[in-house]
């Protein structure tokens, strides 16, 4: 599934980044711990209602704002929650729209931060909580690189 998603998102044309506003940085300091995600490794988000339950629902809503619902749509077809060292992640896409509607969710457990890439209409936008960039697992790094704007694309 993840390989199919990676292959299907190679036609991305644009990318942008949005950092969490300073007022949300204060909320991050008191955000619920992400440590419980370790208990769900290997499970599918829909099976455990990962996006609709604490600790993620409130944090994703705060991070994504009006784009939260689009994130849920783009996470309808996913792989399981995967752990790679200190990072847990899920990749997904909207049914039948993997090349233009996709999402990547990452949680760095130790630093208690989340990071989301959301592709809508082949435009990738990055959302992340304050702090240094999360070290991407190799599989995610490959996918993100494939989602970057193609040189020479119109």
Protein backbone atom coordinates (compact mmCIF):
# COMPACT_ATOMS: atom_id res chain seq x y z
CA UNK A 1 0.00 0.00 0.00
CA UNK A 2 2.73 2.46 0.97
CA UNK A 3 4.66 1.70 -2.20
CA UNK A 4 1.53 2.33 -4.25
CA UNK A 5 1.02 5.66 -2.51
CA UNK A 6 4.64 6.63 -3.11
CA UNK A 7 4.33 5.77 -6.78
CA UNK A 8 1.02 7.55 -7.15
CA UNK A 9 2.17 10.88 -5.76
CA UNK A 10 5.01 11.45 -8.18
CA UNK A 11 2.98 13.95 -10.22
CA UNK A 12 3.00 16.74 -7.62
CA UNK A 13 3.44 20.25 -9.01
CA UNK A 14 3.72 22.59 -6.03
CA UNK A 15 4.68 22.55 -2.37
CA UNK A 16 4.31 25.02 0.48
CA UNK A 17 5.00 25.04 4.20
CA UNK A 18 2.99 26.44 7.07
CA UNK A 19 4.50 26.67 10.53
CA UNK A 20 2.39 26.66 13.64
CA UNK A 21 1.60 30.22 14.81
CA UNK A 22 3.31 31.35 18.06
CA UNK A 23 0.05 31.26 20.04
CA UNK A 24 -0.12 27.52 19.36
CA UNK A 25 3.40 27.03 20.71
CA UNK A 26 2.10 27.62 24.23
CA UNK A 27 -0.57 24.97 23.72
CA UNK A 28 2.11 22.50 22.61
CA UNK A 29 3.86 22.78 25.98
CA UNK A 30 0.74 21.40 27.66
CA UNK A 31 -0.28 19.04 24.85
CA UNK A 32 -1.18 15.45 25.72
CA UNK A 33 1.71 13.03 25.40
CA UNK A 34 2.12 11.03 22.20
CA UNK A 35 3.67 8.09 24.09
CA UNK A 36 0.40 6.14 23.88
CA UNK A 37 0.87 5.85 20.10
CA UNK A 38 3.44 3.11 20.75
CA UNK A 39 0.55 0.88 21.83
CA UNK A 40 -1.05 1.16 18.39
CA UNK A 41 1.90 0.31 16.14
CA UNK A 42 0.77 -2.15 13.48
CA UNK A 43 -2.88 -1.13 13.75
CA UNK A 44 -4.82 0.76 11.11
CA UNK A 45 -6.01 4.28 12.03
CA UNK A 46 -9.65 3.53 11.13
CA UNK A 47 -9.59 0.41 13.32
CA UNK A 48 -8.59 2.38 16.41
CA UNK A 49 -10.16 5.75 15.47
CA UNK A 50 -6.69 7.28 15.71
CA UNK A 51 -7.60 10.68 14.26
CA UNK A 52 -10.82 11.07 16.23
CA UNK A 53 -9.42 10.24 19.69
CA UNK A 54 -6.99 11.76 22.19
CA UNK A 55 -4.19 12.59 22.03
CA UNK A 56 -4.44 13.41 18.32
CA UNK A 57 -7.88 14.81 17.58
CA UNK A 58 -7.47 18.13 19.38
CA UNK A 59 -3.88 18.57 18.28
CA UNK A 60 -4.63 17.82 14.64
CA UNK A 61 -7.59 20.21 14.69
CA UNK A 62 -5.37 22.94 16.16
CA UNK A 63 -2.55 22.28 13.71
CA UNK A 64 -4.63 21.89 10.55
CA UNK A 65 -7.53 24.23 11.32
CA UNK A 66 -9.95 24.29 8.40
CA UNK A 67 -7.90 21.57 6.68
CA UNK A 68 -8.61 18.94 9.36
CA UNK A 69 -11.57 17.47 7.45
CA UNK A 70 -9.50 17.25 4.27
CA UNK A 71 -6.84 15.40 6.25
CA UNK A 72 -9.47 12.87 7.38
CA UNK A 73 -10.61 12.37 3.78
CA UNK A 74 -7.02 11.95 2.60
CA UNK A 75 -6.42 9.36 5.32
CA UNK A 76 -9.29 7.08 4.30
CA UNK A 77 -6.92 4.60 2.60
CA UNK A 78 -3.89 4.04 4.82
CA UNK A 79 -1.27 1.63 5.89
CA UNK A 80 -0.91 0.78 9.57
CA UNK A 81 0.79 3.01 12.12
CA UNK A 82 4.51 2.32 11.72
CA UNK A 83 7.28 3.01 14.23
CA UNK A 84 10.79 3.87 13.12
CA UNK A 85 12.87 4.63 16.18
CA UNK A 86 11.32 7.61 17.95
CA UNK A 87 8.94 8.43 15.09
CA UNK A 88 5.51 6.92 14.47
CA UNK A 89 3.89 7.58 11.10
CA UNK A 90 1.01 6.81 8.76
CA UNK A 91 0.67 7.47 5.04
CA UNK A 92 -2.64 7.67 3.26
CA UNK A 93 -4.66 8.92 0.36
CA UNK A 94 -8.20 9.70 -0.67
CA UNK A 95 -9.83 6.67 -2.32
CA UNK A 96 -9.16 6.61 -6.07
CA UNK A 97 -7.15 9.85 -5.85
CA UNK A 98 -3.67 8.81 -4.71
CA UNK A 99 -1.86 10.97 -7.23
CA UNK A 100 -3.50 14.21 -6.21
CA UNK A 101 -4.99 13.77 -2.72
CA UNK A 102 -2.73 12.30 -0.03
CA UNK A 103 -1.41 12.83 3.49
CA UNK A 104 1.50 11.85 5.70
CA UNK A 105 1.29 11.99 9.50
CA UNK A 106 4.37 11.83 11.73
CA UNK A 107 4.67 11.93 15.51
CA UNK A 108 8.00 12.31 17.24
CA UNK A 109 7.29 10.62 20.55
CA UNK A 110 10.19 11.94 22.62
CA UNK A 111 9.74 15.61 21.70
CA UNK A 112 5.92 15.28 21.70
CA UNK A 113 5.49 16.94 18.29
CA UNK A 114 3.43 16.17 15.21
CA UNK A 115 4.05 16.94 11.56
CA UNK A 116 1.65 16.58 8.64
CA UNK A 117 1.99 16.82 4.87
CA UNK A 118 -1.33 17.32 3.14
CA UNK A 119 -1.65 17.09 -0.64
CA UNK A 120 -4.78 18.66 -2.12
CA UNK A 121 -5.19 18.96 -5.90
CA UNK A 122 -1.53 18.00 -6.37
CA UNK A 123 -0.38 20.83 -4.08
CA UNK A 124 1.54 19.69 -1.01
CA UNK A 125 1.36 21.77 2.17
CA UNK A 126 3.43 21.04 5.26
CA UNK A 127 2.11 21.66 8.79
CA UNK A 128 4.23 21.20 11.90
CA UNK A 129 4.33 22.06 15.53
CA UNK A 130 7.19 24.30 16.74
CA UNK A 131 10.66 22.91 17.15
CA UNK A 132 13.37 21.43 14.99
CA UNK A 133 12.31 19.43 11.98
CA UNK A 134 11.45 15.81 12.76
CA UNK A 135 14.02 13.37 11.38
CA UNK A 136 12.12 11.56 8.68
CA UNK A 137 12.15 7.79 8.43
CA UNK A 138 13.71 6.71 5.12
CA UNK A 139 10.38 5.60 3.62
CA UNK A 140 8.76 8.95 4.44
CA UNK A 141 11.75 10.92 3.17
CA UNK A 142 11.49 9.10 -0.16
CA UNK A 143 7.78 9.85 -0.40
CA UNK A 144 8.22 13.52 0.49
CA UNK A 145 10.98 13.89 -2.10
CA UNK A 146 8.72 12.35 -4.73
CA UNK A 147 5.97 14.77 -3.76
CA UNK A 148 8.16 17.85 -4.20
CA UNK A 149 7.57 20.00 -7.28
CA UNK A 150 8.94 18.42 -10.40
CA UNK A 151 11.58 20.54 -12.12
CA UNK A 152 10.33 21.87 -15.40
CA UNK A 153 6.69 21.12 -14.59
CA UNK A 154 4.16 23.55 -16.00
